[in-house]
Amino acid sequence: MKTPPCTPQNSTSGCRNLHWQRLDRGHFKFDLANSRRVLNPRQLRFASSAVPVADAAAGVAGGLESVSTTQLVDLPDIPAAPIPPVHDAANIIDLAAGMEPSFASIGLGGWSPVGIVQNCMEFLHCTWDLPWWSAIAVGTLVVRTIIFPLVIVAQRNSARMNNNMPQMQMLQLKMTEARQSGNAIESARYAQEMMVFMKERGVNPLKNMVVPLAQAPLFISFFMGLRQMANTPVDSMRDGGLFWFTDLTLADPLYLLPLITSATLYLTIEIGTDSARLSAANMNTMKYVLRALPVVIFPFTMNFPAAILTYWACSNFISLGQVALLRIPSVRDYFKIDKMLTHAPSSLPPKKGFVGGMKESWDNMKISKEIEERQRLDEIRFAKAGKGPLVKTFKYDPTKTATPTPSTVEPHMRLKEPPSSKRQ
């Protein structure tokens, strides 16, 4: 049976199938090893269905030297399948299992101080399965326990300052009087005596600043870390609160947390270590300022997220607990803290009230300014006297020698004539 020719009415796929059938039946015999690439169905294609099949077969048998470009077209390779986006397998598993996404996947954490605080909070919440309010409280307790040795150092120094208060205040009073009178030598001498006295008694006012300097970076790191967690927000913190503040990402609707925070801060300043230190250092003005601090910060803390106020209130309660613990005599003996002595009012300089202290500070500042201005003017006069012309403060100039005249010579200094000249 004769195969019908490939005509334009036939489809292109039909002509291609007819071509491969003739190859399989042996109509075309040629070296398949040399023409292997031609037999690739992805590269061999007839451009027009109107080309006779016999001509195409003859071109294949001749090694395809006579096949024109209008008869065969090289098709490009099929592009590779698109690669699906790669997702974090751990996050997919966590989300599939109903767990929380990691802090790294939502832009939190890291190796900065704020990031370390967030990583610790995540560890306490996810590893130990603690609610967020409990994780914040445990983290605060751990941090305050770490800096507790610094509190012991400050308490020892505060007790020594309190026990040596009369001598220190007398030296300070003498130094102030010498400074007000403008006697710099006496002021420097009393200052040197004060330094020697504090060195002998083991007192250093700078040790009292160890605890605030250590707490400041910790407070800032916790504040910024918890604020970022609340603003992101971490979804589990919406129901990670306690009692009436269940949502830690929002402010307390009843304003009880800001009130508790301000009240505990006032108690810490009033009966805590800071209050004792200020009394020992005779800094009553600063004490009044710190007493007003809880009232001043209350309007600002009203809008803080509950997570921040939870940390702040926990920190204040821990401070009060440390104060109560360090008031026990056996505990003070164990940590080698001296007993606080109570001095008679007669052994201390008379205390001045708030207004009197402010007035005295203002007077001391004015006197110090006047003394500095006087010293500056003296230095200017001294420099001008050394560089400028000499100022005439005498009647006769000793640098100029003048020949004396008889009228200017004193009578007892005149030479007498010899007696022989008078006789002649």
Protein backbone atom coordinates (compact mmCIF):
# COMPACT_ATOMS: atom_id res chain seq x y z
CA MET A 1 0.00 0.00 0.00
CA LYS A 2 1.41 3.33 -1.07
CA THR A 3 1.70 5.97 1.56
CA PRO A 4 0.00 9.23 0.58
CA PRO A 5 2.31 12.22 0.17
CA CYS A 6 2.49 14.89 2.81
CA THR A 7 0.33 17.76 1.56
CA PRO A 8 -0.55 21.12 3.06
CA GLN A 9 -3.88 19.70 4.07
CA ASN A 10 -2.16 17.23 6.35
CA SER A 11 -0.94 18.34 9.74
CA THR A 12 2.70 18.96 10.57
CA SER A 13 2.67 16.25 13.23
CA GLY A 14 1.35 13.78 10.68
CA CYS A 15 4.21 14.50 8.29
CA ARG A 16 6.72 14.11 11.11
CA ASN A 17 5.25 10.72 12.06
CA LEU A 18 5.34 9.61 8.39
CA HIS A 19 9.03 10.55 8.25
CA TRP A 20 9.92 8.44 11.28
CA GLN A 21 7.89 5.49 9.94
CA ARG A 22 9.97 5.48 6.74
CA LEU A 23 13.17 5.63 8.76
CA ASP A 24 12.05 2.61 10.79
CA ARG A 25 11.14 0.58 7.62
CA GLY A 26 14.57 1.13 6.08
CA HIS A 27 13.67 3.49 3.25
CA PHE A 28 16.68 5.65 4.19
CA LYS A 29 20.01 3.97 4.86
CA PHE A 30 22.87 6.07 6.15
CA ASP A 31 25.38 6.10 8.94
CA LEU A 32 23.34 6.57 12.09
CA ALA A 33 26.46 7.08 14.18
CA ASN A 34 27.38 10.22 12.22
CA SER A 35 23.82 11.48 12.11
CA ARG A 36 22.82 10.82 15.69
CA ARG A 37 22.29 14.46 16.49
CA VAL A 38 20.08 14.91 13.44
CA LEU A 39 17.74 12.18 14.55
CA ASN A 40 16.97 14.08 17.74
CA PRO A 41 13.26 14.89 17.47
CA ARG A 42 13.81 18.13 19.43
CA GLN A 43 16.27 19.50 16.85
CA LEU A 44 14.79 18.15 13.56
CA ARG A 45 11.75 19.94 12.34
CA PHE A 46 10.34 20.70 8.93
CA ALA A 47 9.70 24.37 8.46
CA SER A 48 6.95 23.89 5.89
CA SER A 49 4.53 21.07 5.35
CA ALA A 50 4.63 21.73 1.59
CA VAL A 51 8.14 20.24 1.21
CA PRO A 52 7.93 16.76 -0.39
CA VAL A 53 8.93 13.93 1.86
CA ALA A 54 11.12 12.37 -0.86
CA ASP A 55 13.28 15.52 -1.01
CA ALA A 56 13.69 15.53 2.76
CA ALA A 57 14.67 11.86 2.72
CA ALA A 58 17.24 12.44 -0.01
CA GLY A 59 18.76 15.26 2.02
CA VAL A 60 19.06 13.04 5.06
CA ALA A 61 20.73 10.25 3.05
CA GLY A 62 23.34 12.68 1.74
CA GLY A 63 24.51 13.68 5.20
CA LEU A 64 22.28 16.74 5.30
CA GLU A 65 24.79 18.79 3.28
CA SER A 66 22.09 19.84 0.81
CA VAL A 67 19.36 20.64 3.35
CA SER A 68 18.66 24.37 3.41
CA THR A 69 17.90 26.42 6.49
CA THR A 70 14.33 26.89 5.32
CA GLN A 71 13.67 23.21 5.74
CA LEU A 72 15.15 22.61 9.25
CA VAL A 73 14.95 24.90 12.29
CA ASP A 74 16.86 24.29 15.51
CA LEU A 75 14.54 24.66 18.47
CA PRO A 76 15.99 25.95 21.78
CA ASP A 77 16.24 23.59 24.68
CA ILE A 78 13.31 23.36 27.01
CA PRO A 79 13.94 25.70 29.97
CA ALA A 80 14.46 24.15 33.36
CA ALA A 81 11.56 23.98 35.75
CA PRO A 82 11.40 26.94 38.19
CA ILE A 83 12.83 26.28 41.62
CA PRO A 84 10.28 26.83 44.39
CA PRO A 85 11.29 29.32 47.12
CA VAL A 86 13.25 27.82 49.96
CA HIS A 87 11.64 28.22 53.38
CA ASP A 88 13.20 27.67 56.75
CA ALA A 89 12.44 24.07 57.57
CA ALA A 90 12.45 24.76 61.30
CA ASN A 91 9.87 27.54 60.96
CA ILE A 92 7.68 25.35 58.73
CA ILE A 93 7.80 22.54 61.26
CA ASP A 94 7.05 24.94 64.13
CA LEU A 95 4.13 26.53 62.35
CA ALA A 96 2.81 23.15 61.24
CA ALA A 97 2.95 21.88 64.80
CA GLY A 98 1.18 25.00 66.15
CA MET A 99 4.31 26.46 67.79
CA GLU A 100 5.48 30.08 67.88
CA PRO A 101 7.86 31.47 65.25
CA SER A 102 11.39 32.16 66.42
CA PHE A 103 12.45 35.70 67.30
CA ALA A 104 15.03 35.64 64.49
CA SER A 105 12.24 35.12 61.92
CA ILE A 106 10.36 38.25 63.10
CA GLY A 107 13.42 40.53 63.39
CA LEU A 108 14.11 40.22 67.12
CA GLY A 109 17.10 38.91 69.04
CA GLY A 110 20.77 39.27 68.11
CA TRP A 111 24.03 39.84 69.95
CA SER A 112 23.49 43.42 71.07
CA PRO A 113 22.54 44.04 74.74
CA VAL A 114 18.90 44.44 73.72
CA GLY A 115 19.05 41.31 71.55
CA ILE A 116 20.61 39.26 74.36
CA VAL A 117 17.75 40.25 76.67
CA GLN A 118 15.23 39.18 74.02
CA ASN A 119 17.04 35.86 73.49
CA CYS A 120 16.95 35.19 77.22
CA MET A 121 13.24 35.96 77.34
CA GLU A 122 12.64 33.61 74.41
CA PHE A 123 14.67 30.86 76.12
CA LEU A 124 12.70 31.16 79.36
CA HIS A 125 9.36 31.20 77.54
CA CYS A 126 9.96 28.48 74.94
CA THR A 127 12.39 26.12 76.67
CA TRP A 128 10.99 26.23 80.19
CA ASP A 129 7.41 26.78 78.94
CA LEU A 130 6.87 29.77 81.24
CA PRO A 131 4.19 32.39 80.57
CA TRP A 132 5.51 35.77 79.57
CA TRP A 133 4.86 37.47 82.91
CA SER A 134 6.70 34.67 84.70
CA ALA A 135 9.59 34.78 82.20
CA ILE A 136 9.99 38.53 82.79
CA ALA A 137 9.92 38.06 86.58
CA VAL A 138 12.46 35.21 86.50
CA GLY A 139 14.78 37.17 84.19
CA THR A 140 14.62 40.19 86.49
CA LEU A 141 15.37 38.02 89.53
CA VAL A 142 18.39 36.44 87.83
CA VAL A 143 19.86 39.80 86.82
CA ARG A 144 19.37 41.36 90.25
CA THR A 145 20.96 38.29 91.86
CA ILE A 146 24.02 38.71 89.64
CA ILE A 147 24.57 42.33 90.75
CA PHE A 148 23.81 41.57 94.43
CA PRO A 149 27.56 41.54 95.35
CA LEU A 150 27.75 45.16 94.21
CA VAL A 151 24.91 45.96 96.62
CA ILE A 152 26.95 44.42 99.44
CA VAL A 153 29.95 46.60 98.53
CA ALA A 154 27.77 49.73 98.52
CA GLN A 155 26.23 48.79 101.88
CA ARG A 156 29.65 48.33 103.51
CA ASN A 157 30.83 51.70 102.23
CA SER A 158 27.59 53.37 103.30
CA ALA A 159 27.92 52.01 106.84
CA ARG A 160 31.50 53.29 107.11
CA MET A 161 30.49 56.73 105.87
CA ASN A 162 27.66 56.88 108.38
CA ASN A 163 29.90 55.87 111.28
CA ASN A 164 32.56 58.48 110.37
CA MET A 165 30.09 61.21 109.52
CA PRO A 166 30.99 63.74 112.32
CA GLN A 167 34.69 63.91 111.44
CA MET A 168 34.03 64.10 107.72
CA GLN A 169 31.44 66.83 108.10
CA MET A 170 33.72 68.91 110.33
CA LEU A 171 36.55 68.72 107.77
CA GLN A 172 34.10 69.54 105.00
CA LEU A 173 32.79 72.55 106.94
CA LYS A 174 36.33 73.88 107.52
CA MET A 175 37.17 73.41 103.86
CA THR A 176 34.03 75.33 102.85
CA GLU A 177 34.83 78.22 105.20
CA ALA A 178 38.39 78.44 103.87
CA ARG A 179 37.10 78.48 100.31
CA GLN A 180 34.57 81.21 101.09
CA SER A 181 37.25 83.37 102.71
CA GLY A 182 39.44 83.01 99.63
CA ASN A 183 42.20 81.18 101.45
CA ALA A 184 43.20 78.61 98.84
CA ILE A 185 46.06 77.23 100.92
CA GLU A 186 43.83 76.36 103.88
CA SER A 187 41.19 74.90 101.58
CA ALA A 188 43.76 72.65 99.91
CA ARG A 189 45.14 71.59 103.30
CA TYR A 190 41.71 70.54 104.58
CA ALA A 191 41.00 68.73 101.32
CA GLN A 192 44.22 66.78 101.76
CA GLU A 193 43.26 65.94 105.34
CA MET A 194 39.88 64.70 104.10
CA MET A 195 41.50 62.38 101.55
CA VAL A 196 43.91 60.95 104.13
CA PHE A 197 41.08 60.41 106.62
CA MET A 198 38.89 58.57 104.09
CA LYS A 199 41.81 56.40 103.00
CA GLU A 200 42.57 55.40 106.58
CA ARG A 201 38.93 54.53 107.32
CA GLY A 202 38.34 52.74 104.00
CA VAL A 203 35.68 55.17 102.80
CA ASN A 204 35.19 56.03 99.15
CA PRO A 205 32.13 58.00 98.00
CA LEU A 206 32.48 56.64 94.47
CA LYS A 207 31.68 53.10 95.68
CA ASN A 208 28.14 54.22 96.38
CA MET A 209 27.67 54.83 92.65
CA VAL A 210 28.55 51.25 91.68
CA VAL A 211 24.97 49.95 91.95
CA PRO A 212 23.31 52.77 89.92
CA LEU A 213 26.00 52.52 87.24
CA ALA A 214 25.44 48.76 86.97
CA GLN A 215 21.65 49.00 86.97
CA ALA A 216 21.43 51.74 84.34
CA PRO A 217 22.54 49.69 81.28
CA LEU A 218 20.48 46.70 82.45
CA PHE A 219 17.36 48.82 82.86
CA ILE A 220 17.82 50.42 79.43
CA SER A 221 18.38 47.01 77.77
CA PHE A 222 15.27 45.49 79.38
CA PHE A 223 13.21 48.59 78.60
CA MET A 224 14.13 48.68 74.89
CA GLY A 225 13.96 44.89 74.48
CA LEU A 226 10.48 44.55 76.00
CA ARG A 227 9.24 47.59 74.09
CA GLN A 228 10.34 46.05 70.77
CA MET A 229 8.69 42.76 71.70
CA ALA A 230 5.44 44.61 72.48
CA ASN A 231 5.55 46.76 69.34
CA THR A 232 6.40 43.93 66.88
CA PRO A 233 4.24 42.39 68.43
CA VAL A 234 4.89 38.87 69.71
CA ASP A 235 1.47 37.24 69.34
CA SER A 236 1.77 35.08 72.43
CA MET A 237 2.26 38.20 74.59
CA ARG A 238 -1.33 39.23 73.88
CA ASP A 239 -2.51 36.66 76.42
CA GLY A 240 0.70 36.24 78.44
CA GLY A 241 -0.24 38.57 81.27
CA LEU A 242 -1.69 38.01 84.73
CA PHE A 243 -4.83 39.03 86.59
CA TRP A 244 -6.23 42.21 85.03
CA PHE A 245 -3.35 42.89 82.62
CA THR A 246 -3.63 39.88 80.33
CA ASP A 247 -2.31 41.72 77.24
CA LEU A 248 1.33 42.66 77.80
CA THR A 249 1.55 44.57 74.52
CA LEU A 250 -0.91 47.28 75.66
CA ALA A 251 -0.98 49.75 78.53
CA ASP A 252 -2.76 48.85 81.74
CA PRO A 253 -6.40 49.92 81.29
CA LEU A 254 -6.89 50.34 85.06
CA TYR A 255 -3.60 52.26 85.64
CA LEU A 256 -2.78 49.97 88.56
CA LEU A 257 0.62 48.90 87.26
CA PRO A 258 1.89 52.51 86.94
CA LEU A 259 0.61 53.23 90.44
CA ILE A 260 2.32 50.14 91.89
CA THR A 261 5.54 51.02 90.09
CA SER A 262 5.59 54.59 91.44
CA ALA A 263 4.71 53.47 94.98
CA THR A 264 7.44 50.81 95.13
CA LEU A 265 9.96 53.26 93.68
CA TYR A 266 9.11 55.77 96.42
CA LEU A 267 9.54 53.12 99.11
CA THR A 268 12.87 52.09 97.62
CA ILE A 269 14.12 55.68 97.73
CA GLU A 270 12.74 56.35 101.20
CA ILE A 271 13.84 53.26 103.15
CA GLY A 272 16.20 51.56 100.73
CA THR A 273 19.91 51.67 100.24
CA ASP A 274 19.75 54.85 98.15
CA SER A 275 18.08 56.78 100.97
CA ALA A 276 20.66 55.58 103.52
CA ARG A 277 23.50 56.56 101.23
CA LEU A 278 22.17 60.05 100.64
CA SER A 279 21.74 60.62 104.38
CA ALA A 280 25.29 59.51 105.02
CA ALA A 281 26.62 61.81 102.35
CA ASN A 282 24.55 64.74 103.63
CA MET A 283 22.92 65.26 100.27
CA ASN A 284 19.49 66.30 101.43
CA THR A 285 18.78 68.30 98.30
CA MET A 286 19.24 65.24 96.09
CA LYS A 287 17.06 63.26 98.45
CA TYR A 288 14.19 65.69 97.97
CA VAL A 289 14.60 65.49 94.22
CA LEU A 290 14.45 61.68 94.27
CA ARG A 291 11.36 61.77 96.44
CA ALA A 292 9.59 63.79 93.76
CA LEU A 293 10.72 61.44 90.99
CA PRO A 294 7.87 58.84 91.36
CA VAL A 295 5.27 61.58 91.09
CA VAL A 296 6.94 63.08 88.02
CA ILE A 297 7.24 59.81 86.09
CA PHE A 298 3.68 58.62 86.78
CA PRO A 299 2.08 60.45 83.78
CA PHE A 300 4.69 58.92 81.46
CA THR A 301 4.41 55.36 82.76
CA MET A 302 0.66 55.39 82.21
CA ASN A 303 1.19 54.77 78.48
CA PHE A 304 3.96 52.14 78.79
CA PRO A 305 3.17 48.56 77.72
CA ALA A 306 2.35 46.23 80.56
CA ALA A 307 5.48 44.16 79.84
CA ILE A 308 7.76 47.09 80.76
CA LEU A 309 5.85 47.92 83.93
CA THR A 310 5.91 44.23 84.94
CA TYR A 311 9.71 44.29 84.80
CA TRP A 312 9.92 47.63 86.62
CA ALA A 313 7.56 46.58 89.42
CA CYS A 314 9.39 43.26 89.85
CA SER A 315 12.72 45.09 90.09
CA ASN A 316 11.35 47.44 92.76
CA PHE A 317 9.94 44.55 94.81
CA ILE A 318 13.32 42.78 94.63
CA SER A 319 15.03 45.98 95.87
CA LEU A 320 12.65 46.15 98.83
CA GLY A 321 13.36 42.49 99.59
CA GLN A 322 17.10 43.15 99.58
CA VAL A 323 16.65 46.07 101.97
CA ALA A 324 14.60 43.93 104.37
CA LEU A 325 17.20 41.14 104.15
CA LEU A 326 20.16 43.42 104.83
CA ARG A 327 18.51 44.86 107.93
CA ILE A 328 18.75 41.52 109.73
CA PRO A 329 21.75 41.66 112.14
CA SER A 330 22.87 38.09 111.42
CA VAL A 331 22.85 38.77 107.67
CA ARG A 332 24.87 41.96 108.14
CA ASP A 333 27.40 40.06 110.24
CA TYR A 334 27.65 37.34 107.60
CA PHE A 335 28.40 39.88 104.86
CA LYS A 336 30.73 41.86 107.19
CA ILE A 337 28.69 45.04 107.12
CA ASP A 338 29.34 47.41 110.03
CA LYS A 339 26.55 48.29 112.39
CA MET A 340 25.02 51.68 111.70
CA LEU A 341 25.75 54.10 114.56
CA THR A 342 23.37 56.81 115.69
CA HIS A 343 25.18 60.08 116.34
CA ALA A 344 24.07 62.68 118.86
CA PRO A 345 22.85 65.93 117.29
CA SER A 346 25.47 67.90 119.24
CA SER A 347 28.31 66.04 117.52
CA LEU A 348 27.06 67.03 114.10
CA PRO A 349 27.01 70.43 112.43
CA PRO A 350 23.62 72.13 112.54
CA LYS A 351 21.39 70.92 109.76
CA LYS A 352 19.70 73.35 107.46
CA GLY A 353 16.36 72.93 105.80
CA PHE A 354 15.69 72.70 102.13
CA VAL A 355 15.50 76.46 101.62
CA GLY A 356 18.58 77.07 103.77
CA GLY A 357 20.54 74.44 101.91
CA MET A 358 19.62 75.93 98.55
CA LYS A 359 20.58 79.41 99.75
CA GLU A 360 23.91 78.19 101.08
CA SER A 361 24.63 76.39 97.82
CA TRP A 362 23.82 79.57 95.88
CA ASP A 363 26.11 81.67 98.13
CA ASN A 364 28.94 79.17 97.79
CA MET A 365 28.58 79.24 94.03
CA LYS A 366 28.72 83.04 93.96
CA ILE A 367 31.78 83.13 96.21
CA SER A 368 33.56 80.54 94.10
CA LYS A 369 32.80 82.55 90.99
CA GLU A 370 34.17 85.73 92.56
CA ILE A 371 37.34 83.96 93.65
CA GLU A 372 37.89 82.58 90.17
CA GLU A 373 37.33 86.03 88.65
CA ARG A 374 39.83 87.55 91.11
CA GLN A 375 42.43 84.94 90.25
CA ARG A 376 41.89 85.56 86.57
CA LEU A 377 42.43 89.31 86.96
CA ASP A 378 45.56 88.73 89.04
CA GLU A 379 46.99 86.51 86.31
CA ILE A 380 46.24 89.18 83.69
CA ARG A 381 47.96 91.90 85.77
CA PHE A 382 50.96 89.68 86.40
CA ALA A 383 51.35 88.89 82.69
CA LYS A 384 50.97 92.57 81.77
CA ALA A 385 53.54 93.65 84.35
CA GLY A 386 56.05 91.15 83.02
CA LYS A 387 55.64 92.10 79.35
CA GLY A 388 54.75 95.81 79.42
CA PRO A 389 56.85 98.90 80.31
CA LEU A 390 57.87 99.65 83.87
CA VAL A 391 55.44 101.74 85.85
CA LYS A 392 57.10 104.67 87.66
CA THR A 393 56.36 104.34 91.35
CA PHE A 394 59.41 106.27 92.68
CA LYS A 395 60.62 109.92 92.73
CA TYR A 396 64.07 109.34 91.29
CA ASP A 397 64.93 106.87 88.56
CA PRO A 398 67.76 104.70 89.84
CA THR A 399 68.62 103.48 86.33
CA LYS A 400 69.71 106.96 85.24
CA THR A 401 72.91 108.49 86.74
CA ALA A 402 72.97 112.31 86.89
CA THR A 403 76.10 114.49 87.63
CA PRO A 404 75.51 116.36 90.85
CA THR A 405 75.79 120.20 90.80
CA PRO A 406 77.06 122.31 93.72
CA SER A 407 73.57 123.53 94.42
CA THR A 408 72.31 120.02 94.67
CA VAL A 409 75.16 118.77 96.84
CA GLU A 410 74.44 118.72 100.53
CA PRO A 411 76.45 121.12 102.70
CA HIS A 412 78.10 118.37 104.73
CA MET A 413 79.21 116.65 101.50
CA ARG A 414 81.09 119.74 100.06
CA LEU A 415 84.90 119.61 100.02
CA LYS A 416 86.67 122.18 102.14
CA GLU A 417 89.62 124.16 100.74
CA PRO A 418 93.04 123.54 102.29
CA PRO A 419 94.27 126.19 104.80
CA SER A 420 97.35 127.07 102.70
CA SER A 421 95.24 128.45 99.89
CA LYS A 422 93.40 130.75 102.22
CA ARG A 423 96.64 132.27 103.55
CA GLN A 424 97.86 133.09 100.10
